[in-house]
Amino acid sequence: MPLLTEASKERWEKWREENSEGTKAEINVENHDTIGMLALDANGNLSGACTTSGVGYKIHGRVGDSPIIGAGLYVDNDVGAATATGWGEAVIRICGSHLVVEYMRQGHSPTEACRLAVERLIEKNPDWKDIQIGFLALNKKGEYGAYCIQPGFQYAAHDPDNGPRLIDGKSKR
């Protein structure tokens, strides 16, 4: 049974007419859904997961960061864990999640490690004002934080002292 609806096919055909091959698809609330999760269990073990269906209207040859260890997700049980969301090619160029964990290894807080990774990403991407990248990190002590390029990145957190809540990540802009 075909899963493509006529309405979806018409939207895709319109998009294809208006966009040449290699055009960067706009990432917005309607066409992406990266999910990254980080956890520290009662025994002090870190874990993480990252999944995405990627940007709508797939561009031939595009590879996202989620399936690449060190880009979309990285966990080092001795140090911390990090995950990323946003324009995957930019995250891949700096091995973003691995970089965040390495900054934590150097003694930076999770938020500061994420900020430093965003700064590195900006150095490597001249189009940084047109993209959104967000990093989320958790260290071995249970401290967590996030940082992104554009405002509007939120993440959920839950800990015994504060319970569940939605937090606005800090941003470059």
N, C-alpha and C. Protein backbone atom coordinates (compact mmCIF):
# COMPACT_ATOMS: atom_id res chain seq x y z
N MET A 1 0.84 -1.17 0.00
CA MET A 1 0.00 0.00 0.00
C MET A 1 0.90 1.25 0.00
N PRO A 2 0.71 2.15 -0.94
CA PRO A 2 1.50 3.39 -0.99
C PRO A 2 1.21 4.27 0.23
N LEU A 3 2.27 4.83 0.79
CA LEU A 3 2.12 5.70 1.97
C LEU A 3 2.11 7.18 1.61
N LEU A 4 2.46 7.51 0.39
CA LEU A 4 2.52 8.90 -0.06
C LEU A 4 1.12 9.39 -0.41
N THR A 5 0.67 10.43 0.29
CA THR A 5 -0.65 10.99 -0.02
C THR A 5 -0.53 11.92 -1.22
N GLU A 6 -1.63 12.16 -1.87
CA GLU A 6 -1.64 13.06 -3.02
C GLU A 6 -1.21 14.48 -2.60
N ALA A 7 -1.67 14.93 -1.44
CA ALA A 7 -1.30 16.27 -0.96
C ALA A 7 0.20 16.37 -0.70
N SER A 8 0.78 15.34 -0.09
CA SER A 8 2.23 15.34 0.15
C SER A 8 3.01 15.33 -1.15
N LYS A 9 2.56 14.54 -2.10
CA LYS A 9 3.22 14.47 -3.40
C LYS A 9 3.18 15.83 -4.09
N GLU A 10 2.05 16.52 -4.04
CA GLU A 10 1.93 17.85 -4.66
C GLU A 10 2.87 18.85 -3.99
N ARG A 11 2.99 18.83 -2.64
CA ARG A 11 3.91 19.74 -1.94
C ARG A 11 5.35 19.46 -2.35
N TRP A 12 5.71 18.16 -2.44
CA TRP A 12 7.06 17.81 -2.84
C TRP A 12 7.35 18.26 -4.26
N GLU A 13 6.42 18.05 -5.19
CA GLU A 13 6.62 18.46 -6.58
C GLU A 13 6.77 19.97 -6.68
N LYS A 14 5.99 20.72 -5.92
CA LYS A 14 6.11 22.19 -5.91
C LYS A 14 7.48 22.60 -5.37
N TRP A 15 7.90 21.97 -4.28
CA TRP A 15 9.20 22.29 -3.70
C TRP A 15 10.30 21.99 -4.70
N ARG A 16 10.23 20.85 -5.37
CA ARG A 16 11.26 20.46 -6.33
C ARG A 16 11.35 21.44 -7.49
N GLU A 17 10.20 21.95 -7.96
CA GLU A 17 10.20 22.95 -9.03
C GLU A 17 10.89 24.23 -8.59
N GLU A 18 10.73 24.60 -7.34
CA GLU A 18 11.26 25.86 -6.83
C GLU A 18 12.70 25.76 -6.33
N ASN A 19 13.23 24.56 -6.20
CA ASN A 19 14.56 24.37 -5.61
C ASN A 19 15.41 23.49 -6.51
N SER A 20 16.60 23.95 -6.80
CA SER A 20 17.52 23.15 -7.62
C SER A 20 18.23 22.14 -6.73
N GLU A 21 18.84 21.15 -7.35
CA GLU A 21 19.59 20.15 -6.59
C GLU A 21 20.65 20.85 -5.76
N GLY A 22 20.84 20.37 -4.54
CA GLY A 22 21.85 20.94 -3.66
C GLY A 22 21.37 22.13 -2.86
N THR A 23 20.17 22.60 -3.13
CA THR A 23 19.64 23.71 -2.34
C THR A 23 19.41 23.24 -0.93
N LYS A 24 19.77 24.07 0.03
CA LYS A 24 19.58 23.73 1.42
C LYS A 24 18.12 23.91 1.79
N ALA A 25 17.50 22.87 2.27
CA ALA A 25 16.11 22.96 2.71
C ALA A 25 16.05 23.75 4.01
N GLU A 26 15.02 24.55 4.15
CA GLU A 26 14.85 25.31 5.38
C GLU A 26 14.50 24.35 6.51
N ILE A 27 15.18 24.52 7.63
CA ILE A 27 14.86 23.71 8.80
C ILE A 27 13.96 24.56 9.69
N ASN A 28 12.78 24.07 9.96
CA ASN A 28 11.87 24.76 10.86
C ASN A 28 11.03 23.74 11.60
N VAL A 29 10.14 24.22 12.43
CA VAL A 29 9.34 23.33 13.28
C VAL A 29 8.50 22.35 12.48
N GLU A 30 8.25 22.62 11.22
CA GLU A 30 7.40 21.76 10.40
C GLU A 30 8.13 20.61 9.72
N ASN A 31 9.45 20.64 9.65
CA ASN A 31 10.10 19.62 8.83
C ASN A 31 11.34 18.98 9.44
N HIS A 32 11.46 18.96 10.73
CA HIS A 32 12.56 18.20 11.32
C HIS A 32 12.13 17.70 12.69
N ASP A 33 12.80 16.68 13.15
CA ASP A 33 12.41 16.13 14.44
C ASP A 33 13.52 15.32 15.07
N THR A 34 14.72 15.89 15.14
CA THR A 34 15.81 15.22 15.83
C THR A 34 15.46 15.11 17.31
N ILE A 35 15.72 13.95 17.86
CA ILE A 35 15.52 13.73 19.28
C ILE A 35 16.82 13.19 19.85
N GLY A 36 17.37 13.86 20.83
CA GLY A 36 18.56 13.39 21.51
C GLY A 36 18.24 13.27 22.99
N MET A 37 18.68 12.18 23.60
CA MET A 37 18.43 11.95 25.02
C MET A 37 19.72 11.54 25.70
N LEU A 38 19.95 12.10 26.88
CA LEU A 38 21.12 11.77 27.68
C LEU A 38 20.65 11.42 29.08
N ALA A 39 21.29 10.44 29.72
CA ALA A 39 20.87 10.02 31.05
C ALA A 39 22.05 9.58 31.90
N LEU A 40 21.89 9.77 33.20
CA LEU A 40 22.85 9.29 34.19
C LEU A 40 22.04 8.44 35.15
N ASP A 41 22.38 7.15 35.28
CA ASP A 41 21.58 6.28 36.14
C ASP A 41 22.06 6.32 37.59
N ALA A 42 21.37 5.59 38.46
CA ALA A 42 21.67 5.58 39.89
C ALA A 42 23.05 5.02 40.19
N ASN A 43 23.60 4.24 39.28
CA ASN A 43 24.95 3.69 39.47
C ASN A 43 26.04 4.58 38.90
N GLY A 44 25.66 5.75 38.34
CA GLY A 44 26.64 6.67 37.79
C GLY A 44 27.03 6.38 36.36
N ASN A 45 26.26 5.56 35.66
CA ASN A 45 26.55 5.25 34.26
C ASN A 45 25.80 6.19 33.33
N LEU A 46 26.50 6.68 32.34
CA LEU A 46 25.92 7.58 31.33
C LEU A 46 25.41 6.77 30.15
N SER A 47 24.38 7.30 29.51
CA SER A 47 23.90 6.71 28.27
C SER A 47 23.31 7.81 27.41
N GLY A 48 23.12 7.50 26.14
CA GLY A 48 22.55 8.48 25.23
C GLY A 48 21.92 7.80 24.03
N ALA A 49 21.01 8.53 23.40
CA ALA A 49 20.37 8.04 22.18
C ALA A 49 20.07 9.25 21.31
N CYS A 50 20.08 9.03 20.01
CA CYS A 50 19.81 10.10 19.07
C CYS A 50 19.10 9.50 17.87
N THR A 51 18.01 10.13 17.44
CA THR A 51 17.28 9.64 16.29
C THR A 51 16.70 10.81 15.52
N THR A 52 16.53 10.63 14.23
CA THR A 52 15.94 11.67 13.41
C THR A 52 15.34 11.07 12.15
N SER A 53 14.37 11.75 11.61
CA SER A 53 13.93 11.40 10.26
C SER A 53 14.47 12.45 9.30
N GLY A 54 15.20 13.40 9.84
CA GLY A 54 15.89 14.38 9.01
C GLY A 54 15.00 15.46 8.45
N VAL A 55 15.59 16.27 7.62
CA VAL A 55 14.92 17.40 6.99
C VAL A 55 13.93 16.89 5.95
N GLY A 56 12.81 17.57 5.84
CA GLY A 56 11.84 17.22 4.80
C GLY A 56 12.40 17.47 3.41
N TYR A 57 11.83 16.81 2.41
CA TYR A 57 12.25 16.95 1.01
C TYR A 57 13.72 16.60 0.87
N LYS A 58 14.01 15.33 1.00
CA LYS A 58 15.38 14.83 1.00
C LYS A 58 16.17 15.32 -0.23
N ILE A 59 17.37 15.76 0.04
CA ILE A 59 18.28 16.22 -1.00
C ILE A 59 19.24 15.09 -1.30
N HIS A 60 19.39 14.73 -2.57
CA HIS A 60 20.24 13.63 -2.99
C HIS A 60 21.66 13.80 -2.44
N GLY A 61 22.17 12.76 -1.80
CA GLY A 61 23.53 12.77 -1.29
C GLY A 61 23.69 13.33 0.10
N ARG A 62 22.63 13.83 0.69
CA ARG A 62 22.74 14.42 2.02
C ARG A 62 22.84 13.32 3.07
N VAL A 63 23.76 13.50 4.02
CA VAL A 63 23.91 12.60 5.15
C VAL A 63 23.76 13.44 6.40
N GLY A 64 22.89 13.02 7.28
CA GLY A 64 22.71 13.73 8.55
C GLY A 64 23.73 13.28 9.58
N ASP A 65 23.75 13.97 10.71
CA ASP A 65 24.72 13.68 11.75
C ASP A 65 24.29 12.59 12.72
N SER A 66 22.99 12.31 12.82
CA SER A 66 22.51 11.36 13.83
C SER A 66 23.15 9.98 13.76
N PRO A 67 23.34 9.39 12.58
CA PRO A 67 23.91 8.04 12.55
C PRO A 67 25.44 8.01 12.67
N ILE A 68 26.08 9.16 12.77
CA ILE A 68 27.55 9.19 12.82
C ILE A 68 28.00 9.42 14.26
N ILE A 69 28.58 8.37 14.86
CA ILE A 69 29.05 8.47 16.24
C ILE A 69 30.11 9.57 16.33
N GLY A 70 29.94 10.45 17.29
CA GLY A 70 30.84 11.58 17.47
C GLY A 70 30.28 12.86 16.88
N ALA A 71 29.35 12.74 15.94
CA ALA A 71 28.71 13.92 15.37
C ALA A 71 27.40 14.19 16.12
N GLY A 72 26.37 13.39 15.86
CA GLY A 72 25.07 13.60 16.48
C GLY A 72 24.98 13.12 17.91
N LEU A 73 25.85 12.22 18.31
CA LEU A 73 25.82 11.66 19.67
C LEU A 73 27.21 11.15 20.04
N TYR A 74 27.58 11.37 21.30
CA TYR A 74 28.82 10.78 21.80
C TYR A 74 28.69 10.61 23.30
N VAL A 75 29.09 9.45 23.80
CA VAL A 75 29.05 9.16 25.24
C VAL A 75 30.39 8.58 25.65
N ASP A 76 31.01 9.18 26.66
CA ASP A 76 32.22 8.63 27.28
C ASP A 76 31.87 8.49 28.76
N ASN A 77 31.72 7.28 29.22
CA ASN A 77 31.23 7.03 30.58
C ASN A 77 32.15 7.59 31.66
N ASP A 78 33.39 7.92 31.33
CA ASP A 78 34.30 8.53 32.30
C ASP A 78 34.11 10.04 32.41
N VAL A 79 33.49 10.66 31.41
CA VAL A 79 33.46 12.13 31.34
C VAL A 79 32.05 12.69 31.23
N GLY A 80 31.35 12.33 30.14
CA GLY A 80 30.04 12.91 29.89
C GLY A 80 29.46 12.46 28.57
N ALA A 81 28.34 13.05 28.23
CA ALA A 81 27.62 12.70 27.00
C ALA A 81 27.11 13.98 26.35
N ALA A 82 26.97 13.92 25.03
CA ALA A 82 26.46 15.09 24.30
C ALA A 82 25.68 14.61 23.09
N THR A 83 24.71 15.42 22.69
CA THR A 83 23.94 15.17 21.49
C THR A 83 23.69 16.50 20.79
N ALA A 84 23.37 16.42 19.50
CA ALA A 84 23.21 17.64 18.69
C ALA A 84 21.90 17.58 17.92
N THR A 85 21.43 18.75 17.55
CA THR A 85 20.28 18.88 16.67
C THR A 85 20.51 20.06 15.75
N GLY A 86 19.90 20.03 14.59
CA GLY A 86 20.05 21.13 13.64
C GLY A 86 20.64 20.66 12.33
N TRP A 87 21.33 21.55 11.64
CA TRP A 87 21.87 21.26 10.31
C TRP A 87 23.04 20.29 10.44
N GLY A 88 22.81 19.01 10.14
CA GLY A 88 23.76 17.93 10.39
C GLY A 88 25.12 18.08 9.74
N GLU A 89 25.17 18.61 8.51
CA GLU A 89 26.46 18.74 7.83
C GLU A 89 27.42 19.60 8.64
N ALA A 90 26.91 20.65 9.26
CA ALA A 90 27.76 21.54 10.06
C ALA A 90 28.27 20.81 11.30
N VAL A 91 27.43 20.00 11.91
CA VAL A 91 27.83 19.23 13.10
C VAL A 91 28.89 18.20 12.72
N ILE A 92 28.72 17.55 11.57
CA ILE A 92 29.68 16.54 11.12
C ILE A 92 31.06 17.16 10.93
N ARG A 93 31.12 18.36 10.37
CA ARG A 93 32.42 19.00 10.07
C ARG A 93 33.30 19.16 11.31
N ILE A 94 32.69 19.25 12.49
CA ILE A 94 33.49 19.45 13.70
C ILE A 94 33.39 18.27 14.67
N CYS A 95 32.78 17.16 14.24
CA CYS A 95 32.51 16.03 15.15
C CYS A 95 31.93 16.60 16.45
N GLY A 96 30.83 17.34 16.29
CA GLY A 96 30.29 18.19 17.33
C GLY A 96 30.07 17.58 18.70
N SER A 97 29.41 16.46 18.78
CA SER A 97 29.13 15.88 20.10
C SER A 97 30.40 15.38 20.77
N HIS A 98 31.30 14.80 19.99
CA HIS A 98 32.60 14.39 20.53
C HIS A 98 33.36 15.60 21.05
N LEU A 99 33.32 16.69 20.31
CA LEU A 99 34.01 17.92 20.73
C LEU A 99 33.46 18.43 22.06
N VAL A 100 32.14 18.41 22.22
CA VAL A 100 31.54 18.85 23.49
C VAL A 100 32.07 18.00 24.64
N VAL A 101 32.10 16.68 24.47
CA VAL A 101 32.59 15.80 25.54
C VAL A 101 34.07 16.07 25.82
N GLU A 102 34.86 16.31 24.79
CA GLU A 102 36.27 16.62 25.01
C GLU A 102 36.47 17.94 25.77
N TYR A 103 35.62 18.93 25.50
CA TYR A 103 35.69 20.17 26.28
C TYR A 103 35.34 19.91 27.74
N MET A 104 34.37 19.02 27.99
CA MET A 104 34.07 18.67 29.39
C MET A 104 35.25 17.93 30.02
N ARG A 105 35.94 17.10 29.24
CA ARG A 105 37.14 16.40 29.75
C ARG A 105 38.19 17.41 30.21
N GLN A 106 38.25 18.56 29.52
CA GLN A 106 39.20 19.61 29.88
C GLN A 106 38.76 20.41 31.10
N GLY A 107 37.56 20.12 31.63
CA GLY A 107 37.10 20.78 32.84
C GLY A 107 35.99 21.80 32.66
N HIS A 108 35.52 21.98 31.44
CA HIS A 108 34.43 22.93 31.19
C HIS A 108 33.09 22.35 31.63
N SER A 109 32.21 23.23 32.07
CA SER A 109 30.85 22.82 32.42
C SER A 109 30.13 22.38 31.15
N PRO A 110 29.03 21.64 31.29
CA PRO A 110 28.28 21.25 30.09
C PRO A 110 27.85 22.43 29.22
N THR A 111 27.34 23.49 29.82
CA THR A 111 26.91 24.65 29.03
C THR A 111 28.10 25.30 28.33
N GLU A 112 29.19 25.47 29.04
CA GLU A 112 30.38 26.08 28.44
C GLU A 112 30.95 25.20 27.34
N ALA A 113 30.95 23.89 27.54
CA ALA A 113 31.43 22.97 26.50
C ALA A 113 30.57 23.10 25.24
N CYS A 114 29.26 23.20 25.42
CA CYS A 114 28.37 23.38 24.27
C CYS A 114 28.64 24.71 23.58
N ARG A 115 28.86 25.77 24.37
CA ARG A 115 29.13 27.09 23.79
C ARG A 115 30.42 27.07 22.98
N LEU A 116 31.45 26.44 23.50
CA LEU A 116 32.72 26.36 22.78
C LEU A 116 32.57 25.58 21.47
N ALA A 117 31.76 24.53 21.49
CA ALA A 117 31.51 23.77 20.26
C ALA A 117 30.76 24.62 19.24
N VAL A 118 29.79 25.42 19.70
CA VAL A 118 29.08 26.32 18.79
C VAL A 118 30.06 27.33 18.19
N GLU A 119 30.95 27.88 19.00
CA GLU A 119 31.94 28.84 18.49
C GLU A 119 32.83 28.18 17.42
N ARG A 120 33.24 26.95 17.65
CA ARG A 120 34.05 26.22 16.67
C ARG A 120 33.26 26.00 15.38
N LEU A 121 32.00 25.64 15.53
CA LEU A 121 31.13 25.42 14.39
C LEU A 121 30.98 26.70 13.57
N ILE A 122 30.84 27.82 14.23
CA ILE A 122 30.72 29.11 13.55
C ILE A 122 31.98 29.42 12.75
N GLU A 123 33.14 29.11 13.32
CA GLU A 123 34.41 29.31 12.60
C GLU A 123 34.46 28.54 11.28
N LYS A 124 33.87 27.36 11.26
CA LYS A 124 33.93 26.48 10.09
C LYS A 124 32.78 26.66 9.11
N ASN A 125 31.79 27.46 9.45
CA ASN A 125 30.59 27.60 8.62
C ASN A 125 30.27 29.07 8.37
N PRO A 126 30.69 29.61 7.23
CA PRO A 126 30.43 31.02 6.95
C PRO A 126 28.94 31.35 6.88
N ASP A 127 28.10 30.35 6.66
CA ASP A 127 26.66 30.58 6.58
C ASP A 127 25.97 30.40 7.94
N TRP A 128 26.71 30.50 9.03
CA TRP A 128 26.19 30.18 10.35
C TRP A 128 24.95 30.99 10.73
N LYS A 129 24.79 32.18 10.20
CA LYS A 129 23.62 32.99 10.56
C LYS A 129 22.33 32.43 9.95
N ASP A 130 22.48 31.52 8.97
CA ASP A 130 21.32 30.94 8.29
C ASP A 130 20.97 29.54 8.79
N ILE A 131 21.70 29.04 9.79
CA ILE A 131 21.45 27.68 10.27
C ILE A 131 21.19 27.68 11.77
N GLN A 132 20.63 26.60 12.24
CA GLN A 132 20.46 26.39 13.67
C GLN A 132 21.14 25.10 14.05
N ILE A 133 21.93 25.17 15.09
CA ILE A 133 22.57 24.01 15.70
C ILE A 133 22.39 24.16 17.19
N GLY A 134 22.02 23.09 17.84
CA GLY A 134 21.95 23.07 19.29
C GLY A 134 22.67 21.86 19.84
N PHE A 135 23.42 22.05 20.91
CA PHE A 135 24.09 20.95 21.61
C PHE A 135 23.51 20.84 23.01
N LEU A 136 23.40 19.62 23.48
CA LEU A 136 22.95 19.31 24.83
C LEU A 136 24.00 18.41 25.45
N ALA A 137 24.37 18.68 26.70
CA ALA A 137 25.43 17.90 27.34
C ALA A 137 25.08 17.56 28.79
N LEU A 138 25.64 16.44 29.25
CA LEU A 138 25.48 15.95 30.62
C LEU A 138 26.82 15.40 31.06
N ASN A 139 27.31 15.86 32.22
CA ASN A 139 28.59 15.33 32.67
C ASN A 139 28.40 14.24 33.72
N LYS A 140 29.49 13.63 34.13
CA LYS A 140 29.48 12.50 35.04
C LYS A 140 28.92 12.88 36.42
N LYS A 141 28.97 14.17 36.78
CA LYS A 141 28.44 14.64 38.07
C LYS A 141 26.94 14.89 38.02
N GLY A 142 26.34 14.74 36.82
CA GLY A 142 24.90 14.99 36.69
C GLY A 142 24.56 16.42 36.32
N GLU A 143 25.57 17.24 36.06
CA GLU A 143 25.33 18.62 35.62
C GLU A 143 25.01 18.59 34.13
N TYR A 144 24.11 19.45 33.71
CA TYR A 144 23.71 19.46 32.30
C TYR A 144 23.58 20.90 31.81
N GLY A 145 23.58 21.04 30.50
CA GLY A 145 23.43 22.35 29.89
C GLY A 145 23.31 22.23 28.39
N ALA A 146 23.02 23.35 27.77
CA ALA A 146 22.84 23.40 26.32
C ALA A 146 23.25 24.76 25.81
N TYR A 147 23.53 24.81 24.51
CA TYR A 147 23.86 26.06 23.85
C TYR A 147 23.58 25.89 22.37
N CYS A 148 23.12 26.96 21.72
CA CYS A 148 22.78 26.88 20.31
C CYS A 148 23.14 28.18 19.60
N ILE A 149 23.02 28.19 18.29
CA ILE A 149 23.31 29.40 17.52
C ILE A 149 22.19 30.41 17.64
N GLN A 150 20.99 30.00 17.28
CA GLN A 150 19.83 30.90 17.26
C GLN A 150 19.00 30.71 18.52
N PRO A 151 18.32 31.74 18.98
CA PRO A 151 17.42 31.56 20.13
C PRO A 151 16.25 30.63 19.76
N GLY A 152 15.62 30.10 20.78
CA GLY A 152 14.45 29.27 20.57
C GLY A 152 14.67 27.79 20.81
N PHE A 153 15.88 27.38 21.17
CA PHE A 153 16.18 25.98 21.44
C PHE A 153 15.81 25.67 22.88
N GLN A 154 14.93 24.72 23.07
CA GLN A 154 14.54 24.30 24.40
C GLN A 154 14.87 22.83 24.59
N TYR A 155 15.09 22.47 25.85
CA TYR A 155 15.32 21.07 26.16
C TYR A 155 14.62 20.73 27.47
N ALA A 156 14.30 19.46 27.62
CA ALA A 156 13.64 18.99 28.84
C ALA A 156 14.69 18.39 29.76
N ALA A 157 14.51 18.59 31.05
CA ALA A 157 15.41 18.02 32.05
C ALA A 157 14.59 17.48 33.20
N HIS A 158 15.16 16.48 33.86
CA HIS A 158 14.52 15.92 35.04
C HIS A 158 15.62 15.48 36.00
N ASP A 159 15.53 15.93 37.23
CA ASP A 159 16.46 15.48 38.25
C ASP A 159 15.71 15.43 39.59
N PRO A 160 16.27 14.72 40.56
CA PRO A 160 15.55 14.54 41.83
C PRO A 160 15.27 15.86 42.57
N ASP A 161 16.15 16.84 42.43
CA ASP A 161 15.97 18.10 43.16
C ASP A 161 14.91 19.01 42.54
N ASN A 162 14.81 19.02 41.21
CA ASN A 162 13.94 19.99 40.53
C ASN A 162 12.78 19.36 39.76
N GLY A 163 12.77 18.05 39.63
CA GLY A 163 11.71 17.39 38.87
C GLY A 163 11.80 17.70 37.39
N PRO A 164 10.71 17.45 36.66
CA PRO A 164 10.72 17.68 35.21
C PRO A 164 10.46 19.15 34.86
N ARG A 165 11.13 19.64 33.82
CA ARG A 165 10.90 21.02 33.37
C ARG A 165 11.46 21.23 31.98
N LEU A 166 10.99 22.28 31.34
CA LEU A 166 11.46 22.69 30.02
C LEU A 166 12.36 23.91 30.23
N ILE A 167 13.55 23.88 29.62
CA ILE A 167 14.55 24.93 29.83
C ILE A 167 14.91 25.56 28.50
N ASP A 168 15.01 26.88 28.49
CA ASP A 168 15.48 27.60 27.31
C ASP A 168 17.01 27.53 27.26
N GLY A 169 17.54 26.98 26.16
CA GLY A 169 18.99 26.92 26.01
C GLY A 169 19.55 28.31 25.70
N LYS A 170 20.75 28.55 26.15
CA LYS A 170 21.42 29.82 25.85
C LYS A 170 21.81 29.81 24.37
N SER A 171 21.97 31.00 23.80
CA SER A 171 22.28 31.06 22.37
C SER A 171 23.28 32.17 22.05
N LYS A 172 23.91 32.00 20.90
CA LYS A 172 24.89 32.97 20.39
C LYS A 172 24.23 34.29 20.07
N ARG A 173 23.05 34.25 19.45
CA ARG A 173 22.39 35.47 19.00
C ARG A 173 21.39 35.97 19.98
